[in-house]
N, C-alpha and C. Protein backbone atom coordinates (compact mmCIF):
# COMPACT_ATOMS: atom_id res chain seq x y z
N UNK A 1 -20.71 44.92 10.88
CA UNK A 1 -21.62 44.04 11.17
C UNK A 1 -23.51 45.23 10.58
N UNK A 2 -23.77 44.03 9.76
CA UNK A 2 -25.03 44.27 9.24
C UNK A 2 -26.38 43.10 9.79
N UNK A 3 -27.48 44.23 10.52
CA UNK A 3 -28.24 43.38 10.91
C UNK A 3 -30.06 43.08 10.04
N UNK A 4 -29.89 41.94 9.53
CA UNK A 4 -31.01 41.79 9.07
C UNK A 4 -30.69 42.58 7.37
N UNK A 5 -29.81 42.57 6.85
CA UNK A 5 -29.48 43.16 5.75
C UNK A 5 -30.24 42.86 4.54
N UNK A 6 -30.80 41.55 4.72
CA UNK A 6 -31.78 41.61 3.14
C UNK A 6 -33.45 41.89 3.44
N UNK A 7 -34.04 42.40 5.22
CA UNK A 7 -35.18 42.54 5.19
C UNK A 7 -35.99 43.21 4.51
N UNK A 8 -37.07 42.67 4.03
CA UNK A 8 -37.78 43.85 3.08
C UNK A 8 -37.50 43.75 1.53
N UNK A 9 -36.22 43.26 0.88
CA UNK A 9 -35.94 43.43 0.16
C UNK A 9 -36.42 42.42 -0.85
N UNK A 10 -36.73 42.59 -2.10
CA UNK A 10 -37.59 41.97 -3.20
C UNK A 10 -35.86 41.13 -3.74
N UNK A 11 -36.22 40.00 -4.01
CA UNK A 11 -34.99 39.07 -4.85
C UNK A 11 -33.80 40.10 -5.88
N UNK A 12 -33.94 41.02 -6.00
CA UNK A 12 -32.95 41.45 -7.14
C UNK A 12 -32.08 42.63 -6.41
N UNK A 13 -32.77 43.52 -4.80
CA UNK A 13 -31.77 44.23 -4.68
C UNK A 13 -31.40 43.12 -3.16
N UNK A 14 -31.69 42.13 -3.76
CA UNK A 14 -31.18 40.58 -2.44
C UNK A 14 -29.86 41.02 -2.58
N UNK A 15 -29.87 40.35 -3.68
CA UNK A 15 -28.79 39.63 -4.82
C UNK A 15 -27.93 41.34 -4.98
N UNK A 16 -27.93 42.63 -4.88
CA UNK A 16 -27.00 43.07 -5.18
C UNK A 16 -26.36 43.62 -3.79
N UNK A 17 -27.24 43.81 -3.13
CA UNK A 17 -27.03 44.58 -1.18
C UNK A 17 -25.72 42.98 -1.55
N UNK A 18 -26.12 41.60 -1.35
CA UNK A 18 -25.16 40.76 -1.06
C UNK A 18 -23.85 40.82 -1.49
N UNK A 19 -23.50 40.75 -2.73
CA UNK A 19 -22.47 40.80 -3.78
C UNK A 19 -22.30 42.37 -3.64
N UNK A 20 -22.93 43.01 -2.98
CA UNK A 20 -22.03 44.42 -2.26
C UNK A 20 -21.01 44.35 -1.19
N UNK A 21 -21.79 43.60 -0.20
CA UNK A 21 -20.98 43.32 1.13
C UNK A 21 -20.51 42.20 0.84
N UNK A 22 -20.18 41.03 0.27
CA UNK A 22 -18.99 40.01 -0.33
C UNK A 22 -17.88 41.14 -1.21
N UNK A 23 -17.96 42.38 -1.75
CA UNK A 23 -17.39 42.84 -2.61
C UNK A 23 -16.63 43.38 -1.50
N UNK A 24 -16.95 44.26 -0.99
CA UNK A 24 -16.34 45.38 -0.22
C UNK A 24 -15.33 44.33 0.99
N UNK A 25 -15.90 43.66 2.02
CA UNK A 25 -14.92 42.44 2.31
C UNK A 25 -13.72 41.55 1.20
N UNK A 26 -13.71 41.52 0.65
CA UNK A 26 -12.70 41.19 -0.52
C UNK A 26 -11.92 41.86 -1.16
N UNK A 27 -12.62 43.39 -1.26
CA UNK A 27 -11.53 44.34 -1.84
C UNK A 27 -11.16 44.89 -0.52
N UNK A 28 -11.47 45.31 0.44
CA UNK A 28 -10.86 45.47 2.05
C UNK A 28 -10.49 44.58 3.20
N UNK A 29 -10.57 43.52 2.64
CA UNK A 29 -10.08 42.17 3.29
C UNK A 29 -10.56 42.43 4.68
N UNK A 30 -11.37 42.65 5.25
CA UNK A 30 -12.52 42.72 5.90
C UNK A 30 -12.72 41.23 6.46
N UNK A 31 -12.99 41.75 7.81
CA UNK A 31 -14.25 40.55 7.92
C UNK A 31 -16.02 41.55 8.92
N UNK A 32 -16.90 40.75 8.41
CA UNK A 32 -18.32 40.84 8.59
C UNK A 32 -19.02 39.82 9.04
N UNK A 33 -19.97 40.64 9.46
CA UNK A 33 -20.89 39.72 11.41
C UNK A 33 -21.87 39.82 9.89
N UNK A 34 -22.89 38.78 9.30
CA UNK A 34 -24.17 39.12 8.60
C UNK A 34 -25.65 38.61 9.52
N UNK A 35 -25.67 39.33 10.63
CA UNK A 35 -26.92 38.22 11.20
C UNK A 35 -28.10 38.62 10.18
N UNK A 36 -28.90 36.99 9.85
CA UNK A 36 -30.01 37.05 9.56
C UNK A 36 -30.91 35.69 8.86
N UNK A 37 -32.33 35.90 9.23
CA UNK A 37 -33.03 34.97 9.36
C UNK A 37 -33.19 34.83 8.05
N UNK A 38 -31.74 34.54 6.70
CA UNK A 38 -32.52 34.72 5.30
C UNK A 38 -31.75 33.49 5.33
N UNK A 39 -31.39 32.55 5.26
CA UNK A 39 -30.65 31.59 5.24
C UNK A 39 -29.92 32.01 3.41
N UNK A 40 -30.61 31.35 2.55
CA UNK A 40 -30.51 30.82 1.66
C UNK A 40 -29.55 32.16 0.63
N UNK A 41 -30.43 33.45 1.10
CA UNK A 41 -29.16 34.78 0.61
C UNK A 41 -27.52 34.93 2.19
N UNK A 42 -27.87 35.21 2.97
CA UNK A 42 -26.62 34.80 3.67
C UNK A 42 -25.43 33.94 2.86
N UNK A 43 -25.89 32.24 2.74
CA UNK A 43 -25.00 31.18 3.10
C UNK A 43 -24.63 32.26 1.13
N UNK A 44 -24.51 32.84 0.68
CA UNK A 44 -24.47 33.33 -0.87
C UNK A 44 -23.13 33.47 -0.61
N UNK A 45 -23.12 34.43 0.40
CA UNK A 45 -21.72 35.54 0.87
C UNK A 45 -21.18 35.39 1.80
N UNK A 46 -21.22 34.05 2.71
CA UNK A 46 -20.87 33.97 3.32
C UNK A 46 -19.29 32.84 3.44
N UNK A 47 -18.46 33.04 4.46
CA UNK A 47 -17.35 31.63 4.60
C UNK A 47 -18.11 31.10 5.94
N UNK A 48 -18.04 31.54 6.68
CA UNK A 48 -18.73 31.14 7.85
C UNK A 48 -19.31 31.08 8.47
N UNK A 49 -20.11 30.11 9.08
CA UNK A 49 -21.61 29.93 9.56
C UNK A 49 -21.53 29.39 10.76
N UNK A 50 -22.64 30.57 12.13
CA UNK A 50 -22.57 29.98 13.25
C UNK A 50 -24.97 30.57 13.30
N UNK A 51 -25.16 29.16 14.00
CA UNK A 51 -26.49 29.07 14.24
C UNK A 51 -26.43 29.32 15.37
N UNK A 52 -27.40 30.50 15.93
CA UNK A 52 -27.33 30.31 17.18
C UNK A 52 -28.68 29.91 17.66
N UNK A 53 -29.39 29.52 17.54
CA UNK A 53 -30.94 28.84 18.80
C UNK A 53 -30.70 28.78 20.78
N UNK A 54 -31.86 29.52 21.00
CA UNK A 54 -31.74 29.42 22.13
C UNK A 54 -30.77 29.76 23.13
N UNK A 55 -29.20 31.17 23.17
CA UNK A 55 -28.32 31.65 23.40
C UNK A 55 -27.56 30.79 23.05
N UNK A 56 -27.18 30.15 22.37
CA UNK A 56 -26.12 29.16 22.61
C UNK A 56 -26.24 28.87 20.79
N UNK A 57 -24.78 28.46 20.38
CA UNK A 57 -24.31 28.07 19.29
C UNK A 57 -25.00 26.36 18.95
N UNK A 58 -25.53 26.27 18.12
CA UNK A 58 -26.51 24.93 17.96
C UNK A 58 -25.24 24.76 17.04
N UNK A 59 -24.62 25.06 15.80
CA UNK A 59 -24.00 24.95 14.86
C UNK A 59 -22.83 25.61 14.28
N UNK A 60 -22.11 25.58 13.48
CA UNK A 60 -21.09 26.26 12.88
C UNK A 60 -20.34 25.51 12.14
N UNK A 61 -19.60 26.10 11.06
CA UNK A 61 -19.04 25.72 9.88
C UNK A 61 -18.48 26.19 8.49
N UNK A 62 -18.41 26.09 7.63
CA UNK A 62 -17.80 26.62 6.69
C UNK A 62 -18.74 26.50 5.87
N UNK A 63 -18.70 27.95 5.20
CA UNK A 63 -20.53 27.54 4.45
C UNK A 63 -20.82 25.87 3.37
N UNK A 64 -19.35 25.70 2.68
CA UNK A 64 -19.86 24.50 1.94
C UNK A 64 -20.23 23.34 2.81
N UNK A 65 -19.86 23.27 4.32
CA UNK A 65 -19.38 22.44 5.32
C UNK A 65 -21.48 22.32 5.44
N UNK A 66 -22.15 23.26 5.63
CA UNK A 66 -23.29 23.88 6.23
C UNK A 66 -24.34 23.38 4.89
N UNK A 67 -23.92 23.20 4.19
CA UNK A 67 -24.85 23.25 2.97
C UNK A 67 -25.27 22.33 2.33
N UNK A 68 -23.90 21.44 3.28
CA UNK A 68 -24.27 19.69 2.77
C UNK A 68 -24.45 18.94 3.77
N UNK A 69 -24.54 19.82 5.11
CA UNK A 69 -24.36 18.72 6.73
C UNK A 69 -26.24 18.34 6.80
N UNK A 70 -25.92 16.84 7.20
CA UNK A 70 -26.53 15.43 7.73
C UNK A 70 -27.19 16.50 9.16
N UNK A 71 -26.78 17.37 9.49
CA UNK A 71 -27.46 17.92 11.13
C UNK A 71 -28.99 17.90 10.61
N UNK A 72 -29.32 17.20 11.52
CA UNK A 72 -30.67 17.98 11.55
C UNK A 72 -31.41 19.09 11.52
N UNK A 73 -30.90 19.93 12.63
CA UNK A 73 -30.72 21.19 13.05
C UNK A 73 -30.83 22.24 12.30
N UNK A 74 -29.69 21.81 11.51
CA UNK A 74 -29.23 22.62 10.40
C UNK A 74 -29.84 22.76 9.01
N UNK A 75 -30.25 21.36 8.60
CA UNK A 75 -30.63 20.88 7.52
C UNK A 75 -32.06 21.42 7.68
N UNK A 76 -32.91 20.96 8.57
CA UNK A 76 -34.70 21.73 8.71
C UNK A 76 -33.93 23.84 8.35
N UNK A 77 -33.27 24.10 8.74
CA UNK A 77 -32.86 25.83 9.01
C UNK A 77 -32.62 26.16 8.03
N UNK A 78 -31.62 25.60 6.37
CA UNK A 78 -31.07 25.63 5.72
C UNK A 78 -32.40 26.14 4.57
N UNK A 79 -33.28 25.00 5.42
CA UNK A 79 -34.22 24.44 3.94
C UNK A 79 -35.30 24.85 3.88
N UNK A 80 -35.48 25.32 5.08
CA UNK A 80 -36.70 25.80 6.07
C UNK A 80 -37.60 24.92 5.92
N UNK A 81 -37.80 23.93 6.50
CA UNK A 81 -38.59 22.97 6.66
C UNK A 81 -39.17 23.24 8.63
N UNK A 82 -40.88 23.12 7.68
CA UNK A 82 -41.58 23.21 8.86
C UNK A 82 -41.16 21.81 9.92
N UNK A 83 -40.62 21.13 9.14
CA UNK A 83 -40.64 19.85 10.60
C UNK A 83 -39.34 19.50 10.91
N UNK A 84 -38.92 18.60 12.39
CA UNK A 84 -37.96 19.06 12.29
C UNK A 84 -37.39 19.07 13.58
N UNK A 85 -36.48 19.17 14.54
CA UNK A 85 -36.00 19.50 15.72
C UNK A 85 -36.55 20.82 16.33
N UNK A 86 -36.61 22.26 15.51
CA UNK A 86 -36.88 23.46 15.61
C UNK A 86 -39.00 23.30 15.42
N UNK A 87 -39.40 23.23 16.49
CA UNK A 87 -40.70 22.76 16.21
C UNK A 87 -41.29 24.29 15.54
N UNK A 88 -42.04 23.86 14.79
CA UNK A 88 -43.57 25.02 14.34
C UNK A 88 -44.17 25.03 14.62
N UNK A 89 -45.83 25.21 14.59
CA UNK A 89 -46.32 24.59 15.90
C UNK A 89 -47.58 25.56 14.78
N UNK A 90 -48.84 24.97 14.09
CA UNK A 90 -49.49 25.47 13.08
C UNK A 90 -50.35 24.21 12.67
N UNK A 91 -51.56 24.82 12.63
CA UNK A 91 -52.14 25.61 14.14
C UNK A 91 -52.01 25.95 15.48
N UNK A 92 -52.57 26.68 16.01
CA UNK A 92 -51.26 27.32 17.61
C UNK A 92 -52.60 27.39 17.76
N UNK A 93 -52.58 27.26 19.48
CA UNK A 93 -53.38 28.04 20.06
C UNK A 93 -54.55 29.06 20.52
N UNK A 94 -55.03 29.32 21.18
CA UNK A 94 -55.37 30.74 20.87
C UNK A 94 -55.01 31.89 21.57
N UNK A 95 -54.74 33.16 20.79
CA UNK A 95 -54.18 34.54 21.48
C UNK A 95 -53.70 34.37 22.96
N UNK A 96 -55.37 34.18 23.29
CA UNK A 96 -55.22 34.23 24.51
C UNK A 96 -54.94 33.12 25.52
N UNK A 97 -54.98 32.30 24.94
CA UNK A 97 -54.27 31.23 25.65
C UNK A 97 -52.98 31.37 25.82
N UNK A 98 -52.36 31.30 25.21
CA UNK A 98 -50.83 31.85 25.54
C UNK A 98 -50.44 32.44 26.31
N UNK A 99 -51.49 32.96 26.17
CA UNK A 99 -51.21 34.60 27.29
C UNK A 99 -52.17 34.11 28.65
N UNK A 100 -52.08 32.92 28.71
CA UNK A 100 -53.09 32.74 29.87
C UNK A 100 -54.25 34.04 30.52
N UNK A 101 -54.83 34.13 29.46
CA UNK A 101 -55.93 35.13 30.43
C UNK A 101 -56.75 34.58 29.62
N UNK A 102 -57.93 34.81 29.74
CA UNK A 102 -59.64 34.49 29.50
C UNK A 102 -60.22 35.23 28.65
N UNK A 103 -60.63 35.71 27.77
CA UNK A 103 -60.77 35.71 26.73
C UNK A 103 -62.09 36.57 26.89
N UNK A 104 -62.63 36.66 28.05
CA UNK A 104 -64.21 37.27 28.19
C UNK A 104 -63.61 38.88 29.51
N UNK A 105 -62.18 38.83 30.14
CA UNK A 105 -61.25 39.79 30.01
C UNK A 105 -61.01 41.34 29.39
N UNK A 106 -61.66 40.75 27.87
CA UNK A 106 -61.03 42.85 27.42
C UNK A 106 -62.89 42.49 27.67
């Protein structure tokens, strides 16, 4: 299991790490679980994808099917679009308002 194997890596390192994971799986005939928010890099090396949102499987499928999916959630996530079923709020409320505390309490 790999937990965020691409986090903090430059593009060259991402490619090298991704290729190592893929080659290791192929050479040993094993399955790996790759947990990543980097859909672009992950989709280069995986055979099957699960998207988990709000604690449930929101979508799943073979890599080729996911890449060509018309599902709005999948489309938004793999393309990094700000608009779609996953809300992205910018600008947002003041942090104190989100915490429901008065800014004068400090």
